Protein backbone atom coordinates (compact mmCIF):
# COMPACT_ATOMS: atom_id res chain seq x y z
CA UNK A 1 -0.71 59.22 32.98
CA UNK A 2 -1.32 62.31 35.11
CA UNK A 3 -2.44 62.80 38.94
CA UNK A 4 -5.69 63.02 40.20
CA UNK A 5 -5.86 67.18 39.14
CA UNK A 6 -4.24 68.58 37.27
CA UNK A 7 -5.83 72.01 36.77
CA UNK A 8 -2.82 74.05 38.17
CA UNK A 9 -0.66 72.54 35.86
CA UNK A 10 -2.63 72.95 32.77
CA UNK A 11 -2.43 76.83 34.09
CA UNK A 12 0.73 76.89 34.34
CA UNK A 13 1.45 75.47 30.86
CA UNK A 14 -1.18 77.23 29.44
CA UNK A 15 0.87 80.59 30.72
CA UNK A 16 4.38 79.39 29.43
CA UNK A 17 2.89 78.27 26.18
CA UNK A 18 1.50 81.56 25.09
CA UNK A 19 4.82 83.35 25.08
CA UNK A 20 7.27 80.29 24.34
CA UNK A 21 8.46 80.13 20.77
CA UNK A 22 9.72 77.13 18.67
CA UNK A 23 13.26 75.56 19.56
CA UNK A 24 15.90 77.26 17.10
CA UNK A 25 16.34 74.23 14.49
CA UNK A 26 20.15 75.14 14.15
CA UNK A 27 21.05 71.37 13.64
CA UNK A 28 20.91 69.38 10.43
CA UNK A 29 19.82 65.68 9.70
CA UNK A 30 22.17 64.80 6.37
CA UNK A 31 19.89 61.76 6.25
CA UNK A 32 16.58 63.64 5.52
CA UNK A 33 18.21 66.87 4.48
CA UNK A 34 16.18 69.06 7.30
CA UNK A 35 16.67 71.18 10.34
CA UNK A 36 16.14 70.13 13.94
CA UNK A 37 16.72 71.59 17.61
CA UNK A 38 19.41 69.32 19.60
CA UNK A 39 18.90 68.61 22.91
CA UNK A 40 20.32 71.67 24.27
CA UNK A 41 18.44 74.48 21.84
CA UNK A 42 15.24 72.54 23.30
CA UNK A 43 16.54 73.04 26.78
CA UNK A 44 16.81 76.33 25.97
CA UNK A 45 13.45 77.01 24.53
CA UNK A 46 11.96 75.68 27.95
CA UNK A 47 12.69 78.50 29.70
CA UNK A 48 9.44 79.93 29.62
CA UNK A 49 7.75 76.97 31.10
CA UNK A 50 10.43 76.56 34.38
CA UNK A 51 9.55 80.23 35.32
CA UNK A 52 6.14 78.95 35.23
CA UNK A 53 7.36 76.75 38.04
CA UNK A 54 6.97 73.56 35.60
CA UNK A 55 9.76 70.92 36.59
CA UNK A 56 10.79 68.22 33.59
CA UNK A 57 12.14 65.20 34.53
CA UNK A 58 13.50 62.09 32.67
CA UNK A 59 13.96 58.88 33.73
CA UNK A 60 15.04 55.80 30.99
CA UNK A 61 13.94 52.33 31.96
CA UNK A 62 15.13 49.06 31.46
CA UNK A 63 14.80 47.49 28.19
CA UNK A 64 16.65 44.57 27.09
CA UNK A 65 15.10 43.90 23.86
CA UNK A 66 16.82 46.69 21.71
CA UNK A 67 15.06 49.34 22.53
CA UNK A 68 15.26 52.57 24.73
CA UNK A 69 12.17 53.47 27.25
CA UNK A 70 12.06 56.87 28.75
CA UNK A 71 10.00 58.34 30.94
CA UNK A 72 9.12 61.97 30.89
CA UNK A 73 7.24 64.13 33.69
CA UNK A 74 6.10 67.34 33.97
CA UNK A 75 5.36 69.04 37.79
CA UNK A 76 3.70 71.82 39.19
CA UNK A 77 6.26 72.73 41.55
CA UNK A 78 3.61 74.82 43.62
CA UNK A 79 0.90 72.10 43.57
CA UNK A 80 2.43 68.83 42.81
CA UNK A 81 0.01 68.12 40.05
CA UNK A 82 2.00 66.07 37.02
CA UNK A 83 1.55 64.46 33.71
CA UNK A 84 3.79 61.53 32.55
CA UNK A 85 4.13 60.25 29.15
CA UNK A 86 6.31 57.07 28.15
CA UNK A 87 8.60 56.91 24.60
CA UNK A 88 9.72 53.71 23.32
CA UNK A 89 12.29 53.85 20.16
CA UNK A 90 14.28 51.08 18.82
CA UNK A 91 18.33 51.63 19.12
CA UNK A 92 20.33 51.49 15.75
CA UNK A 93 23.29 49.94 16.95
CA UNK A 94 23.91 47.91 20.15
CA UNK A 95 26.60 49.78 21.59
CA UNK A 96 26.96 52.54 24.32
CA UNK A 97 27.18 54.63 21.57
CA UNK A 98 23.94 53.29 20.00
CA UNK A 99 22.12 53.75 23.43
CA UNK A 100 23.25 57.17 24.19
CA UNK A 101 22.07 58.90 20.36
CA UNK A 102 18.67 56.58 21.03
CA UNK A 103 18.26 58.56 24.33
CA UNK A 104 19.29 62.16 22.66
CA UNK A 105 16.80 61.47 20.17
CA UNK A 106 13.61 60.77 22.67
CA UNK A 107 14.51 63.04 25.32
CA UNK A 108 14.16 65.81 22.67
CA UNK A 109 11.36 64.22 21.22
CA UNK A 110 9.47 63.54 24.46
CA UNK A 111 10.15 67.37 25.83
CA UNK A 112 9.03 68.68 22.38
CA UNK A 113 5.43 66.99 22.57
CA UNK A 114 4.89 67.12 26.39
CA UNK A 115 5.41 70.98 26.30
CA UNK A 116 4.45 71.54 22.72
CA UNK A 117 7.45 72.83 21.27
CA UNK A 118 8.16 72.67 17.61
CA UNK A 119 11.69 70.84 17.71
CA UNK A 120 11.53 69.60 13.72
CA UNK A 121 10.92 71.62 10.42
CA UNK A 122 7.63 70.32 9.18
CA UNK A 123 8.15 68.24 6.01
CA UNK A 124 3.72 67.78 5.44
CA UNK A 125 4.37 64.05 6.49
CA UNK A 126 5.91 63.41 3.53
CA UNK A 127 8.89 61.39 4.85
CA UNK A 128 6.45 59.17 7.43
CA UNK A 129 4.51 58.77 4.43
CA UNK A 130 7.20 57.35 2.28
CA UNK A 131 6.32 53.20 1.82
CA UNK A 132 8.60 51.10 3.35
CA UNK A 133 11.27 49.84 0.37
CA UNK A 134 12.31 46.18 0.30
CA UNK A 135 16.07 45.27 -0.94
CA UNK A 136 15.71 42.48 -3.10
CA UNK A 137 19.20 42.63 -5.52
CA UNK A 138 21.22 39.42 -4.87
CA UNK A 139 25.17 40.22 -3.50
CA UNK A 140 27.92 39.20 -6.06
CA UNK A 141 30.71 37.82 -4.40
CA UNK A 142 33.37 39.92 -2.46
CA UNK A 143 36.37 40.94 -4.90
CA UNK A 144 38.95 38.20 -5.05
CA UNK A 145 41.43 40.86 -2.61
CA UNK A 146 39.03 40.36 0.14
CA UNK A 147 38.19 36.80 -0.61
CA UNK A 148 41.88 35.68 -0.18
CA UNK A 149 41.96 37.39 3.23
CA UNK A 150 42.55 34.37 5.72
CA UNK A 151 41.64 36.56 8.88
CA UNK A 152 37.92 36.33 10.12
CA UNK A 153 35.69 38.51 9.03
CA UNK A 154 33.10 39.78 11.78
CA UNK A 155 30.07 39.71 9.66
CA UNK A 156 30.19 37.40 6.55
CA UNK A 157 27.43 38.88 4.59
CA UNK A 158 28.76 41.04 1.23
CA UNK A 159 27.94 44.61 0.81
CA UNK A 160 29.89 45.41 -2.33
CA UNK A 161 26.68 45.19 -4.30
CA UNK A 162 24.55 46.90 -2.48
CA UNK A 163 23.17 49.80 -4.19
CA UNK A 164 21.92 52.45 -1.48
CA UNK A 165 18.33 53.46 -2.32
CA UNK A 166 17.68 56.21 -0.05
CA UNK A 167 18.48 59.56 0.80
CA UNK A 168 19.95 62.53 -2.05
CA UNK A 169 23.40 62.20 -1.87
CA UNK A 170 23.95 58.98 -2.53
CA UNK A 171 21.08 57.43 -3.75
CA UNK A 172 21.91 54.74 -6.43
CA UNK A 173 25.53 54.87 -5.24
CA UNK A 174 27.28 51.09 -4.56
CA UNK A 175 27.53 51.42 -0.24
CA UNK A 176 31.25 50.75 -1.09
CA UNK A 177 31.82 54.08 -2.44
CA UNK A 178 30.23 55.62 0.07
CA UNK A 179 31.80 57.84 2.89
CA UNK A 180 32.62 56.47 5.98
CA UNK A 181 30.99 59.11 8.12
CA UNK A 182 27.93 58.69 6.53
CA UNK A 183 27.58 55.32 7.48
CA UNK A 184 28.27 56.03 10.77
CA UNK A 185 25.97 58.05 11.18
CA UNK A 186 23.28 55.94 9.32
CA UNK A 187 24.15 52.77 11.59
CA UNK A 188 23.16 55.21 14.43
CA UNK A 189 20.24 57.19 13.09
CA UNK A 190 18.95 55.22 10.18
CA UNK A 191 15.16 53.68 10.06
CA UNK A 192 15.21 50.82 7.26
CA UNK A 193 16.60 47.86 8.70
CA UNK A 194 18.03 46.65 5.80
CA UNK A 195 20.21 49.71 4.71
CA UNK A 196 21.23 49.76 8.36
CA UNK A 197 22.22 45.96 8.36
CA UNK A 198 24.36 47.13 5.01
CA UNK A 199 25.97 49.80 6.56
CA UNK A 200 27.24 47.80 9.16
CA UNK A 201 28.40 45.40 7.20
CA UNK A 202 30.49 47.71 5.12
CA UNK A 203 31.69 49.31 8.07
CA UNK A 204 33.20 45.98 9.80
CA UNK A 205 34.73 45.18 6.21
CA UNK A 206 36.14 48.39 6.06
CA UNK A 207 37.77 48.34 10.15
CA UNK A 208 38.88 44.44 8.99
CA UNK A 209 40.59 45.63 6.07
CA UNK A 210 42.28 48.49 7.91
CA UNK A 211 43.35 45.90 10.76
CA UNK A 212 45.04 43.66 8.17
CA UNK A 213 47.13 46.20 6.24
CA UNK A 214 48.37 47.53 9.60
CA UNK A 215 49.40 43.81 10.60
CA UNK A 216 50.76 43.03 7.27
């Protein structure tokens, strides 16, 4: 979407892009082992655009279907001309932390796309070209120690037999051996639904064991 005229906005964008440099990729994605520019670094890299009189505004929209919808608008302060884009992405976990993570992710991607800034390492489309993997292995029964626990379990699906099939550091491992910090990160940022679900089940299982141990 855009205003009726955008000539002055485009001239300002051109001036800013001539002197802008890529955002510094100082953060690391442990899942894909790649570097990226976090939101604050992207905002710093947008300084030439602000100096050219371009105002950035981002507004989240209500989306009750498990997605975050974000409107990003570039407005030329002098002329009022504008262009706007809408980005919709899935929330990895249905809680405030999951929504916040998805919103931050959407904000930096939208700012990069709208301004032309490079915010990610170029992997030559290798991540996007990987075929989706379907998990077909049957889950064995939970260990006896867990079966005998009478306390209610948040998620009943067992995870002890789930073999992690993606990534580099933990590929091929049983999910019960993967560090909690990695699983928590993956629940917020993972893309494959079966792995996100398995990570969530395993975290719930560990949390339930901790509660029982404390109450015993």
